[in-house]
N, C-alpha and C. Protein backbone atom coordinates (compact mmCIF):
# COMPACT_ATOMS: atom_id res chain seq x y z
N UNK A 1 1.24 -0.78 5.10
CA UNK A 1 0.65 -1.80 5.93
C UNK A 1 0.74 -3.13 5.20
N UNK A 2 1.25 -4.12 5.90
CA UNK A 2 1.44 -5.44 5.32
C UNK A 2 0.68 -6.48 6.13
N UNK A 3 0.18 -7.47 5.46
CA UNK A 3 -0.48 -8.58 6.14
C UNK A 3 -1.25 -9.41 5.15
N UNK A 4 -1.56 -10.62 5.56
CA UNK A 4 -2.35 -11.49 4.70
C UNK A 4 -3.74 -10.90 4.52
N UNK A 5 -4.43 -11.35 3.46
CA UNK A 5 -5.81 -10.94 3.26
C UNK A 5 -6.63 -11.33 4.48
N UNK A 6 -7.54 -10.46 4.89
CA UNK A 6 -8.43 -10.77 6.00
C UNK A 6 -7.88 -10.49 7.37
N UNK A 7 -6.73 -9.80 7.47
CA UNK A 7 -6.15 -9.53 8.80
C UNK A 7 -6.50 -8.14 9.33
N UNK A 8 -7.30 -7.37 8.59
CA UNK A 8 -7.81 -6.12 9.14
C UNK A 8 -7.21 -4.84 8.59
N UNK A 9 -6.43 -4.92 7.52
CA UNK A 9 -5.81 -3.71 6.99
C UNK A 9 -6.86 -2.71 6.48
N UNK A 10 -7.78 -3.19 5.66
CA UNK A 10 -8.82 -2.31 5.12
C UNK A 10 -9.75 -1.84 6.23
N UNK A 11 -10.06 -2.70 7.17
CA UNK A 11 -10.90 -2.29 8.31
C UNK A 11 -10.23 -1.18 9.10
N UNK A 12 -8.93 -1.30 9.31
CA UNK A 12 -8.18 -0.26 10.03
C UNK A 12 -8.27 1.08 9.29
N UNK A 13 -8.06 1.04 7.98
CA UNK A 13 -8.14 2.27 7.19
C UNK A 13 -9.55 2.85 7.25
N UNK A 14 -10.55 2.00 7.17
CA UNK A 14 -11.94 2.49 7.23
C UNK A 14 -12.27 3.05 8.61
N UNK A 15 -11.66 2.49 9.66
CA UNK A 15 -11.83 3.07 11.00
C UNK A 15 -11.22 4.47 11.05
N UNK A 16 -10.01 4.62 10.51
CA UNK A 16 -9.36 5.93 10.49
C UNK A 16 -10.18 6.94 9.70
N UNK A 17 -10.81 6.48 8.62
CA UNK A 17 -11.60 7.37 7.77
C UNK A 17 -12.98 7.65 8.36
N UNK A 18 -13.33 6.95 9.45
CA UNK A 18 -14.64 7.15 10.06
C UNK A 18 -15.76 6.44 9.33
N UNK A 19 -15.42 5.52 8.43
CA UNK A 19 -16.43 4.79 7.66
C UNK A 19 -16.92 3.53 8.35
N UNK A 20 -16.16 3.05 9.31
CA UNK A 20 -16.53 1.86 10.08
C UNK A 20 -16.65 2.29 11.53
N UNK A 21 -17.78 2.01 12.18
CA UNK A 21 -17.92 2.42 13.58
C UNK A 21 -16.99 1.65 14.50
N UNK A 22 -16.47 2.34 15.49
CA UNK A 22 -15.62 1.73 16.50
C UNK A 22 -16.32 1.92 17.83
N UNK A 23 -16.77 0.84 18.41
CA UNK A 23 -17.52 0.90 19.66
C UNK A 23 -16.65 1.12 20.88
N UNK A 24 -15.34 0.99 20.73
CA UNK A 24 -14.44 1.07 21.87
C UNK A 24 -13.98 2.49 22.19
N UNK A 25 -13.98 3.38 21.20
CA UNK A 25 -13.43 4.71 21.41
C UNK A 25 -14.36 5.78 20.86
N UNK A 26 -14.02 7.01 21.18
CA UNK A 26 -14.77 8.14 20.63
C UNK A 26 -14.48 8.27 19.15
N UNK A 27 -15.39 8.91 18.44
CA UNK A 27 -15.21 9.13 17.01
C UNK A 27 -13.96 9.98 16.76
N UNK A 28 -13.19 9.60 15.76
CA UNK A 28 -11.97 10.32 15.41
C UNK A 28 -12.29 11.71 14.88
N UNK A 29 -11.44 12.66 15.19
CA UNK A 29 -11.57 14.00 14.64
C UNK A 29 -10.49 14.25 13.59
N UNK A 30 -9.84 13.20 13.17
CA UNK A 30 -8.78 13.28 12.18
C UNK A 30 -9.39 13.60 10.81
N UNK A 31 -8.79 14.50 10.09
CA UNK A 31 -9.23 14.83 8.74
C UNK A 31 -8.43 13.98 7.77
N UNK A 32 -9.12 13.12 7.00
CA UNK A 32 -8.43 12.17 6.14
C UNK A 32 -8.95 12.22 4.72
N UNK A 33 -8.14 11.71 3.80
CA UNK A 33 -8.53 11.49 2.42
C UNK A 33 -8.36 10.00 2.16
N UNK A 34 -9.42 9.34 1.70
CA UNK A 34 -9.41 7.89 1.51
C UNK A 34 -9.52 7.54 0.04
N UNK A 35 -8.58 6.69 -0.45
CA UNK A 35 -8.69 6.06 -1.76
C UNK A 35 -9.08 4.63 -1.46
N UNK A 36 -10.37 4.28 -1.67
CA UNK A 36 -10.82 2.95 -1.27
C UNK A 36 -10.19 1.83 -2.08
N UNK A 37 -10.36 0.60 -1.56
CA UNK A 37 -9.80 -0.58 -2.21
C UNK A 37 -10.46 -0.81 -3.57
N UNK A 38 -11.78 -0.69 -3.62
CA UNK A 38 -12.50 -0.89 -4.87
C UNK A 38 -13.04 0.44 -5.35
N UNK A 39 -13.12 0.56 -6.65
CA UNK A 39 -13.57 1.81 -7.26
C UNK A 39 -14.71 1.49 -8.20
N UNK A 40 -15.79 2.23 -8.10
CA UNK A 40 -16.88 2.08 -9.05
C UNK A 40 -17.33 3.46 -9.47
N UNK A 41 -17.45 3.69 -10.77
CA UNK A 41 -17.85 5.02 -11.24
C UNK A 41 -19.33 5.24 -10.95
N UNK A 42 -19.62 6.15 -10.03
CA UNK A 42 -21.00 6.41 -9.66
C UNK A 42 -21.46 7.79 -10.10
N UNK A 43 -20.59 8.49 -10.79
CA UNK A 43 -20.98 9.82 -11.24
C UNK A 43 -20.49 10.04 -12.66
N UNK A 44 -21.25 10.80 -13.45
CA UNK A 44 -20.76 11.14 -14.78
C UNK A 44 -19.74 12.27 -14.67
N UNK A 45 -18.88 12.37 -15.64
CA UNK A 45 -17.93 13.48 -15.61
C UNK A 45 -16.60 13.08 -16.20
N UNK A 46 -15.65 13.97 -16.08
CA UNK A 46 -14.31 13.71 -16.60
C UNK A 46 -13.30 13.79 -15.48
N UNK A 47 -12.23 12.98 -15.55
CA UNK A 47 -11.20 13.00 -14.51
C UNK A 47 -10.35 14.25 -14.59
N UNK A 48 -9.65 14.54 -13.50
CA UNK A 48 -8.78 15.73 -13.44
C UNK A 48 -7.32 15.34 -13.63
N UNK A 49 -6.59 16.19 -14.31
CA UNK A 49 -5.14 16.08 -14.48
C UNK A 49 -4.67 14.78 -15.14
N UNK A 50 -5.47 14.18 -15.95
CA UNK A 50 -5.07 12.96 -16.66
C UNK A 50 -5.36 13.18 -18.15
N UNK A 51 -4.43 13.85 -18.81
CA UNK A 51 -4.65 14.35 -20.16
C UNK A 51 -5.15 13.30 -21.15
N UNK A 52 -4.59 12.10 -21.10
CA UNK A 52 -4.96 11.10 -22.12
C UNK A 52 -6.37 10.55 -21.95
N UNK A 53 -7.02 10.83 -20.85
CA UNK A 53 -8.40 10.36 -20.66
C UNK A 53 -9.35 11.49 -20.29
N UNK A 54 -8.89 12.72 -20.46
CA UNK A 54 -9.69 13.89 -20.06
C UNK A 54 -11.04 13.95 -20.74
N UNK A 55 -11.13 13.53 -21.98
CA UNK A 55 -12.38 13.68 -22.72
C UNK A 55 -13.31 12.48 -22.57
N UNK A 56 -12.94 11.53 -21.74
CA UNK A 56 -13.77 10.34 -21.56
C UNK A 56 -14.70 10.49 -20.36
N UNK A 57 -15.84 9.86 -20.44
CA UNK A 57 -16.76 9.82 -19.31
C UNK A 57 -16.21 8.80 -18.31
N UNK A 58 -16.29 9.11 -17.04
CA UNK A 58 -15.73 8.24 -16.00
C UNK A 58 -16.29 6.83 -16.09
N UNK A 59 -17.56 6.69 -16.47
CA UNK A 59 -18.18 5.37 -16.53
C UNK A 59 -17.60 4.49 -17.64
N UNK A 60 -16.85 5.07 -18.57
CA UNK A 60 -16.27 4.29 -19.66
C UNK A 60 -14.81 3.94 -19.42
N UNK A 61 -14.24 4.36 -18.31
CA UNK A 61 -12.83 4.13 -18.04
C UNK A 61 -12.55 2.68 -17.64
N UNK A 62 -11.36 2.22 -17.96
CA UNK A 62 -10.92 0.88 -17.56
C UNK A 62 -10.59 0.88 -16.07
N UNK A 63 -10.33 -0.29 -15.52
CA UNK A 63 -9.96 -0.38 -14.11
C UNK A 63 -8.70 0.40 -13.79
N UNK A 64 -7.68 0.32 -14.66
CA UNK A 64 -6.44 1.06 -14.43
C UNK A 64 -6.64 2.56 -14.53
N UNK A 65 -7.47 2.99 -15.49
CA UNK A 65 -7.75 4.42 -15.62
C UNK A 65 -8.52 4.93 -14.41
N UNK A 66 -9.49 4.15 -13.94
CA UNK A 66 -10.23 4.53 -12.73
C UNK A 66 -9.30 4.61 -11.52
N UNK A 67 -8.37 3.68 -11.44
CA UNK A 67 -7.43 3.69 -10.32
C UNK A 67 -6.60 4.97 -10.33
N UNK A 68 -6.13 5.37 -11.49
CA UNK A 68 -5.35 6.60 -11.60
C UNK A 68 -6.19 7.82 -11.20
N UNK A 69 -7.44 7.84 -11.62
CA UNK A 69 -8.34 8.94 -11.23
C UNK A 69 -8.52 8.94 -9.72
N UNK A 70 -8.73 7.76 -9.13
CA UNK A 70 -8.95 7.67 -7.68
C UNK A 70 -7.73 8.16 -6.91
N UNK A 71 -6.53 7.82 -7.38
CA UNK A 71 -5.31 8.28 -6.71
C UNK A 71 -5.21 9.80 -6.77
N UNK A 72 -5.44 10.36 -7.96
CA UNK A 72 -5.38 11.81 -8.11
C UNK A 72 -6.42 12.50 -7.23
N UNK A 73 -7.63 11.96 -7.21
CA UNK A 73 -8.68 12.57 -6.38
C UNK A 73 -8.33 12.49 -4.90
N UNK A 74 -7.79 11.35 -4.47
CA UNK A 74 -7.42 11.20 -3.05
C UNK A 74 -6.31 12.17 -2.68
N UNK A 75 -5.29 12.27 -3.53
CA UNK A 75 -4.17 13.17 -3.24
C UNK A 75 -4.57 14.63 -3.42
N UNK A 76 -5.62 14.88 -4.19
CA UNK A 76 -6.07 16.24 -4.43
C UNK A 76 -6.87 16.85 -3.29
N UNK A 77 -7.20 16.05 -2.30
CA UNK A 77 -7.94 16.57 -1.14
C UNK A 77 -7.02 17.51 -0.37
N UNK A 78 -7.52 18.69 -0.06
CA UNK A 78 -6.72 19.65 0.70
C UNK A 78 -7.20 19.69 2.14
N UNK A 79 -6.39 20.23 2.99
CA UNK A 79 -6.72 20.39 4.41
C UNK A 79 -7.02 19.06 5.09
N UNK A 80 -6.25 18.03 4.76
CA UNK A 80 -6.39 16.75 5.46
C UNK A 80 -5.09 16.46 6.19
N UNK A 81 -5.19 15.68 7.27
CA UNK A 81 -4.02 15.31 8.05
C UNK A 81 -3.34 14.06 7.52
N UNK A 82 -4.15 13.14 6.99
CA UNK A 82 -3.65 11.82 6.62
C UNK A 82 -4.27 11.39 5.29
N UNK A 83 -3.44 10.76 4.46
CA UNK A 83 -3.91 10.17 3.21
C UNK A 83 -3.95 8.66 3.40
N UNK A 84 -5.09 8.05 3.07
CA UNK A 84 -5.28 6.61 3.21
C UNK A 84 -5.45 6.02 1.81
N UNK A 85 -4.51 5.19 1.39
CA UNK A 85 -4.54 4.62 0.04
C UNK A 85 -4.60 3.10 0.14
N UNK A 86 -5.73 2.54 -0.23
CA UNK A 86 -5.95 1.11 -0.13
C UNK A 86 -5.71 0.47 -1.50
N UNK A 87 -4.60 -0.23 -1.61
CA UNK A 87 -4.18 -0.94 -2.82
C UNK A 87 -4.14 -0.04 -4.06
N UNK A 88 -3.31 1.01 -4.03
CA UNK A 88 -3.24 1.89 -5.19
C UNK A 88 -2.71 1.24 -6.46
N UNK A 89 -2.07 0.08 -6.36
CA UNK A 89 -1.54 -0.58 -7.56
C UNK A 89 -2.58 -1.44 -8.28
N UNK A 90 -3.73 -1.66 -7.67
CA UNK A 90 -4.75 -2.51 -8.30
C UNK A 90 -5.09 -2.00 -9.70
N UNK A 91 -5.14 -2.90 -10.64
CA UNK A 91 -5.52 -2.64 -12.03
C UNK A 91 -4.48 -1.85 -12.83
N UNK A 92 -3.35 -1.49 -12.21
CA UNK A 92 -2.32 -0.74 -12.93
C UNK A 92 -1.30 -1.71 -13.52
N UNK A 93 -0.84 -1.41 -14.74
CA UNK A 93 0.24 -2.23 -15.31
C UNK A 93 1.55 -1.83 -14.64
N UNK A 94 2.62 -2.55 -14.95
CA UNK A 94 3.89 -2.32 -14.25
C UNK A 94 4.41 -0.90 -14.45
N UNK A 95 4.27 -0.35 -15.64
CA UNK A 95 4.73 1.02 -15.89
C UNK A 95 3.92 2.02 -15.07
N UNK A 96 2.61 1.84 -15.04
CA UNK A 96 1.75 2.76 -14.28
C UNK A 96 2.00 2.62 -12.78
N UNK A 97 2.36 1.44 -12.31
CA UNK A 97 2.66 1.26 -10.88
C UNK A 97 3.89 2.06 -10.49
N UNK A 98 4.89 2.07 -11.35
CA UNK A 98 6.10 2.85 -11.07
C UNK A 98 5.76 4.33 -11.04
N UNK A 99 4.99 4.79 -12.02
CA UNK A 99 4.60 6.20 -12.06
C UNK A 99 3.78 6.56 -10.83
N UNK A 100 2.79 5.71 -10.49
CA UNK A 100 1.94 5.98 -9.32
C UNK A 100 2.77 6.03 -8.04
N UNK A 101 3.72 5.12 -7.91
CA UNK A 101 4.59 5.10 -6.73
C UNK A 101 5.35 6.41 -6.59
N UNK A 102 5.92 6.86 -7.69
CA UNK A 102 6.69 8.10 -7.67
C UNK A 102 5.80 9.30 -7.34
N UNK A 103 4.61 9.34 -7.94
CA UNK A 103 3.68 10.45 -7.68
C UNK A 103 3.26 10.47 -6.22
N UNK A 104 2.88 9.32 -5.68
CA UNK A 104 2.44 9.25 -4.29
C UNK A 104 3.57 9.68 -3.35
N UNK A 105 4.74 9.11 -3.54
CA UNK A 105 5.86 9.42 -2.64
C UNK A 105 6.25 10.89 -2.74
N UNK A 106 6.37 11.40 -3.95
CA UNK A 106 6.74 12.81 -4.14
C UNK A 106 5.70 13.73 -3.51
N UNK A 107 4.43 13.41 -3.71
CA UNK A 107 3.36 14.25 -3.17
C UNK A 107 3.40 14.27 -1.64
N UNK A 108 3.49 13.09 -1.03
CA UNK A 108 3.48 13.00 0.43
C UNK A 108 4.69 13.72 1.03
N UNK A 109 5.85 13.54 0.43
CA UNK A 109 7.04 14.23 0.92
C UNK A 109 6.92 15.74 0.77
N UNK A 110 6.44 16.19 -0.38
CA UNK A 110 6.30 17.62 -0.63
C UNK A 110 5.24 18.25 0.28
N UNK A 111 4.13 17.55 0.47
CA UNK A 111 3.04 18.07 1.31
C UNK A 111 3.35 17.95 2.80
N UNK A 112 4.39 17.17 3.12
CA UNK A 112 4.77 16.92 4.52
C UNK A 112 3.58 16.36 5.31
N UNK A 113 2.95 15.36 4.71
CA UNK A 113 1.79 14.71 5.31
C UNK A 113 2.11 13.23 5.55
N UNK A 114 1.22 12.59 6.25
CA UNK A 114 1.34 11.16 6.51
C UNK A 114 0.42 10.41 5.56
N UNK A 115 0.88 9.28 5.06
CA UNK A 115 0.05 8.41 4.24
C UNK A 115 0.14 6.99 4.78
N UNK A 116 -1.01 6.36 4.91
CA UNK A 116 -1.08 4.93 5.21
C UNK A 116 -1.42 4.26 3.89
N UNK A 117 -0.58 3.31 3.47
CA UNK A 117 -0.77 2.64 2.19
C UNK A 117 -0.88 1.14 2.44
N UNK A 118 -1.97 0.56 1.98
CA UNK A 118 -2.11 -0.90 1.96
C UNK A 118 -1.72 -1.32 0.56
N UNK A 119 -0.73 -2.19 0.47
CA UNK A 119 -0.23 -2.54 -0.85
C UNK A 119 0.22 -3.99 -0.89
N UNK A 120 -0.21 -4.72 -1.93
CA UNK A 120 0.20 -6.11 -2.13
C UNK A 120 1.33 -6.24 -3.14
N UNK A 121 1.57 -5.20 -3.93
CA UNK A 121 2.69 -5.22 -4.87
C UNK A 121 3.96 -4.94 -4.07
N UNK A 122 4.84 -5.93 -4.00
CA UNK A 122 6.00 -5.85 -3.12
C UNK A 122 6.96 -4.73 -3.52
N UNK A 123 7.18 -4.56 -4.81
CA UNK A 123 8.09 -3.50 -5.26
C UNK A 123 7.53 -2.14 -4.88
N UNK A 124 6.24 -1.94 -5.13
CA UNK A 124 5.61 -0.67 -4.80
C UNK A 124 5.62 -0.43 -3.29
N UNK A 125 5.33 -1.47 -2.52
CA UNK A 125 5.31 -1.34 -1.06
C UNK A 125 6.68 -0.95 -0.52
N UNK A 126 7.74 -1.59 -1.01
CA UNK A 126 9.07 -1.27 -0.50
C UNK A 126 9.53 0.11 -0.94
N UNK A 127 9.08 0.56 -2.10
CA UNK A 127 9.44 1.90 -2.56
C UNK A 127 8.74 2.97 -1.73
N UNK A 128 7.48 2.76 -1.40
CA UNK A 128 6.69 3.77 -0.70
C UNK A 128 6.94 3.82 0.80
N UNK A 129 7.34 2.71 1.39
CA UNK A 129 7.36 2.62 2.85
C UNK A 129 8.58 3.26 3.49
N UNK A 130 8.32 4.06 4.50
CA UNK A 130 9.36 4.51 5.42
C UNK A 130 9.28 3.68 6.69
N UNK A 131 8.05 3.37 7.07
CA UNK A 131 7.75 2.56 8.25
C UNK A 131 6.72 1.51 7.83
N UNK A 132 6.65 0.43 8.60
CA UNK A 132 5.76 -0.68 8.27
C UNK A 132 4.94 -1.07 9.49
N UNK A 133 3.65 -1.27 9.27
CA UNK A 133 2.77 -1.86 10.28
C UNK A 133 2.42 -3.25 9.75
N UNK A 134 2.69 -4.27 10.54
CA UNK A 134 2.43 -5.65 10.11
C UNK A 134 1.17 -6.14 10.82
N UNK A 135 0.22 -6.64 10.03
CA UNK A 135 -1.00 -7.23 10.55
C UNK A 135 -0.80 -8.74 10.58
N UNK A 136 -0.97 -9.32 11.78
CA UNK A 136 -0.69 -10.75 11.97
C UNK A 136 -1.88 -11.43 12.63
N UNK A 137 -1.97 -12.71 12.44
CA UNK A 137 -3.00 -13.49 13.09
C UNK A 137 -3.69 -14.42 12.11
N UNK A 138 -4.84 -14.91 12.54
CA UNK A 138 -5.61 -15.82 11.71
C UNK A 138 -6.59 -15.00 10.88
N UNK A 139 -6.43 -14.98 9.56
CA UNK A 139 -7.29 -14.16 8.72
C UNK A 139 -8.78 -14.41 8.98
N UNK A 140 -9.53 -13.31 9.04
CA UNK A 140 -10.98 -13.29 9.25
C UNK A 140 -11.41 -13.83 10.61
N UNK A 141 -10.46 -14.16 11.49
CA UNK A 141 -10.80 -14.66 12.82
C UNK A 141 -10.30 -13.70 13.89
N UNK A 142 -9.00 -13.58 14.02
CA UNK A 142 -8.41 -12.69 15.02
C UNK A 142 -7.04 -12.25 14.53
N UNK A 143 -6.82 -10.96 14.51
CA UNK A 143 -5.53 -10.43 14.06
C UNK A 143 -5.18 -9.19 14.86
N UNK A 144 -3.90 -8.89 14.91
CA UNK A 144 -3.42 -7.69 15.59
C UNK A 144 -2.47 -6.95 14.65
N UNK A 145 -2.24 -5.69 14.98
CA UNK A 145 -1.31 -4.87 14.21
C UNK A 145 -0.14 -4.50 15.10
N UNK A 146 1.05 -4.54 14.54
CA UNK A 146 2.25 -4.13 15.28
C UNK A 146 2.32 -2.60 15.29
N UNK A 147 3.06 -2.05 16.23
CA UNK A 147 3.36 -0.61 16.12
C UNK A 147 4.21 -0.37 14.87
N UNK A 148 4.22 0.85 14.34
CA UNK A 148 5.08 1.12 13.18
C UNK A 148 6.54 0.78 13.49
N UNK A 149 7.20 0.17 12.53
CA UNK A 149 8.60 -0.21 12.69
C UNK A 149 9.35 0.10 11.40
N UNK A 150 10.66 0.00 11.45
CA UNK A 150 11.46 0.31 10.26
C UNK A 150 11.08 -0.62 9.12
N UNK A 151 11.37 -0.19 7.90
CA UNK A 151 11.09 -1.00 6.72
C UNK A 151 11.75 -2.36 6.84
N UNK A 152 13.02 -2.40 7.21
CA UNK A 152 13.75 -3.66 7.31
C UNK A 152 13.15 -4.58 8.37
N UNK A 153 12.88 -4.04 9.56
CA UNK A 153 12.31 -4.85 10.65
C UNK A 153 10.93 -5.36 10.28
N UNK A 154 10.09 -4.48 9.73
CA UNK A 154 8.73 -4.86 9.36
C UNK A 154 8.70 -5.90 8.26
N UNK A 155 9.53 -5.72 7.24
CA UNK A 155 9.58 -6.68 6.14
C UNK A 155 10.09 -8.03 6.63
N UNK A 156 11.12 -8.02 7.48
CA UNK A 156 11.63 -9.28 8.03
C UNK A 156 10.54 -10.01 8.81
N UNK A 157 9.81 -9.28 9.62
CA UNK A 157 8.75 -9.90 10.42
C UNK A 157 7.66 -10.50 9.53
N UNK A 158 7.21 -9.71 8.55
CA UNK A 158 6.15 -10.17 7.65
C UNK A 158 6.61 -11.38 6.84
N UNK A 159 7.79 -11.30 6.24
CA UNK A 159 8.27 -12.40 5.41
C UNK A 159 8.58 -13.65 6.23
N UNK A 160 9.03 -13.49 7.47
CA UNK A 160 9.26 -14.65 8.34
C UNK A 160 7.96 -15.41 8.56
N UNK A 161 6.86 -14.67 8.72
CA UNK A 161 5.57 -15.34 8.94
C UNK A 161 5.13 -16.12 7.71
N UNK A 162 5.59 -15.71 6.54
CA UNK A 162 5.26 -16.41 5.29
C UNK A 162 6.32 -17.44 4.90
N UNK A 163 7.46 -17.44 5.64
CA UNK A 163 8.60 -18.31 5.35
C UNK A 163 9.15 -18.09 3.95
N UNK A 164 9.24 -16.81 3.57
CA UNK A 164 9.76 -16.41 2.26
C UNK A 164 10.94 -15.47 2.48
N UNK A 165 11.98 -15.62 1.67
CA UNK A 165 13.10 -14.68 1.73
C UNK A 165 13.22 -13.92 0.42
N UNK A 166 13.66 -12.68 0.53
CA UNK A 166 13.87 -11.81 -0.62
C UNK A 166 15.31 -11.33 -0.63
N UNK A 167 15.80 -11.04 -1.81
CA UNK A 167 17.09 -10.39 -1.98
C UNK A 167 16.88 -9.27 -2.99
N UNK A 168 17.83 -8.37 -3.10
CA UNK A 168 17.79 -7.33 -4.13
C UNK A 168 18.59 -7.82 -5.33
N UNK A 169 18.00 -7.77 -6.51
CA UNK A 169 18.71 -8.13 -7.73
C UNK A 169 19.85 -7.13 -7.93
N UNK A 170 21.09 -7.61 -8.10
CA UNK A 170 22.23 -6.69 -8.21
C UNK A 170 22.22 -5.83 -9.48
N UNK A 171 21.50 -6.24 -10.52
CA UNK A 171 21.50 -5.46 -11.76
C UNK A 171 20.43 -4.37 -11.78
N UNK A 172 19.22 -4.68 -11.27
CA UNK A 172 18.15 -3.67 -11.32
C UNK A 172 17.64 -3.27 -9.93
N UNK A 173 18.19 -3.87 -8.90
CA UNK A 173 17.89 -3.56 -7.49
C UNK A 173 16.45 -3.86 -7.08
N UNK A 174 15.72 -4.60 -7.89
CA UNK A 174 14.35 -4.97 -7.54
C UNK A 174 14.37 -6.14 -6.57
N UNK A 175 13.38 -6.21 -5.68
CA UNK A 175 13.29 -7.37 -4.79
C UNK A 175 13.01 -8.64 -5.59
N UNK A 176 13.68 -9.71 -5.24
CA UNK A 176 13.48 -11.01 -5.89
C UNK A 176 13.28 -12.07 -4.82
N UNK A 177 12.34 -12.97 -5.06
CA UNK A 177 12.08 -14.06 -4.12
C UNK A 177 13.17 -15.12 -4.31
N UNK A 178 13.73 -15.58 -3.20
CA UNK A 178 14.68 -16.68 -3.25
C UNK A 178 13.91 -17.98 -3.42
N UNK A 179 14.46 -18.91 -4.17
CA UNK A 179 13.84 -20.22 -4.33
C UNK A 179 13.81 -20.91 -2.97
N UNK A 180 12.66 -21.50 -2.63
CA UNK A 180 12.49 -22.17 -1.35
C UNK A 180 13.57 -23.24 -1.16
N UNK A 181 14.23 -23.20 -0.02
CA UNK A 181 15.29 -24.12 0.37
C UNK A 181 16.56 -24.01 -0.47
N UNK A 182 16.69 -22.94 -1.25
CA UNK A 182 17.95 -22.71 -1.96
C UNK A 182 19.02 -22.34 -0.93
N UNK A 183 20.27 -22.33 -1.35
CA UNK A 183 21.36 -21.97 -0.43
C UNK A 183 21.12 -20.57 0.13
N UNK A 184 20.78 -19.62 -0.75
CA UNK A 184 20.54 -18.23 -0.32
C UNK A 184 19.35 -18.17 0.65
N UNK A 185 18.28 -18.89 0.36
CA UNK A 185 17.10 -18.93 1.22
C UNK A 185 17.47 -19.45 2.61
N UNK A 186 18.20 -20.56 2.66
CA UNK A 186 18.58 -21.16 3.95
C UNK A 186 19.53 -20.24 4.72
N UNK A 187 20.49 -19.63 4.01
CA UNK A 187 21.44 -18.72 4.67
C UNK A 187 20.70 -17.54 5.30
N UNK A 188 19.78 -16.94 4.55
CA UNK A 188 19.05 -15.78 5.06
C UNK A 188 18.15 -16.16 6.23
N UNK A 189 17.48 -17.30 6.14
CA UNK A 189 16.61 -17.73 7.24
C UNK A 189 17.42 -18.01 8.50
N UNK A 190 18.57 -18.66 8.35
CA UNK A 190 19.44 -18.94 9.50
C UNK A 190 19.88 -17.65 10.18
N UNK A 191 20.17 -16.63 9.38
CA UNK A 191 20.61 -15.34 9.91
C UNK A 191 19.45 -14.46 10.37
N UNK A 192 18.20 -14.90 10.08
CA UNK A 192 17.04 -14.09 10.44
C UNK A 192 16.84 -12.90 9.52
N UNK A 193 17.46 -12.95 8.34
CA UNK A 193 17.36 -11.86 7.37
C UNK A 193 16.49 -12.29 6.19
N UNK A 194 15.20 -12.06 6.33
CA UNK A 194 14.26 -12.46 5.28
C UNK A 194 14.19 -11.43 4.17
N UNK A 195 14.67 -10.22 4.46
CA UNK A 195 14.60 -9.12 3.50
C UNK A 195 15.86 -8.28 3.63
N UNK A 196 16.44 -7.90 2.51
CA UNK A 196 17.61 -7.04 2.51
C UNK A 196 17.31 -5.76 1.76
N UNK A 197 17.72 -4.63 2.32
CA UNK A 197 17.61 -3.36 1.61
C UNK A 197 18.70 -3.25 0.56
N UNK A 198 19.87 -3.75 0.87
CA UNK A 198 21.00 -3.71 -0.05
C UNK A 198 21.70 -5.06 -0.03
N UNK A 199 22.29 -5.42 -1.16
CA UNK A 199 23.12 -6.64 -1.21
C UNK A 199 24.56 -6.26 -1.10
């Protein structure tokens, strides 16, 4: 899920999780696992499957360590239909973001489940996404969500609204922002190609 801050991404996830009341429809019967946007250690104990921090009390963990615990706990939920991950890259360094991306994607593919991921890290978002929902509108005032669309279509729509173009670096294949009004930026905007999967 992509969109500016305040366009309803977290609210949408909380609606799916049943944490935010929806007056327009009946309560969802969907079984979900939610990794919230913010994490606060409210219980004593040790995290699961994280060897390097196994002997630490949860209340002493750093933000990145807590994030890793939250991801593992969310993915560890069994008998759920949908996994909801709100900003899983928060507090993670670049190496941990790559590891988390691979773990999330591998898990979802292996479990044959659906995951909704809200992510501001562009590299992580493009790696994880098969489909994109774009949240548009005036932040904190009125916004709408598009139906799911292809990664290329969704990224083009989102980046067009920000007037930013991306290309893939030919050496490491990572997304790179084009300099505003550069030749590449102008060429891509003229062609309506704000985002490329391949160069």
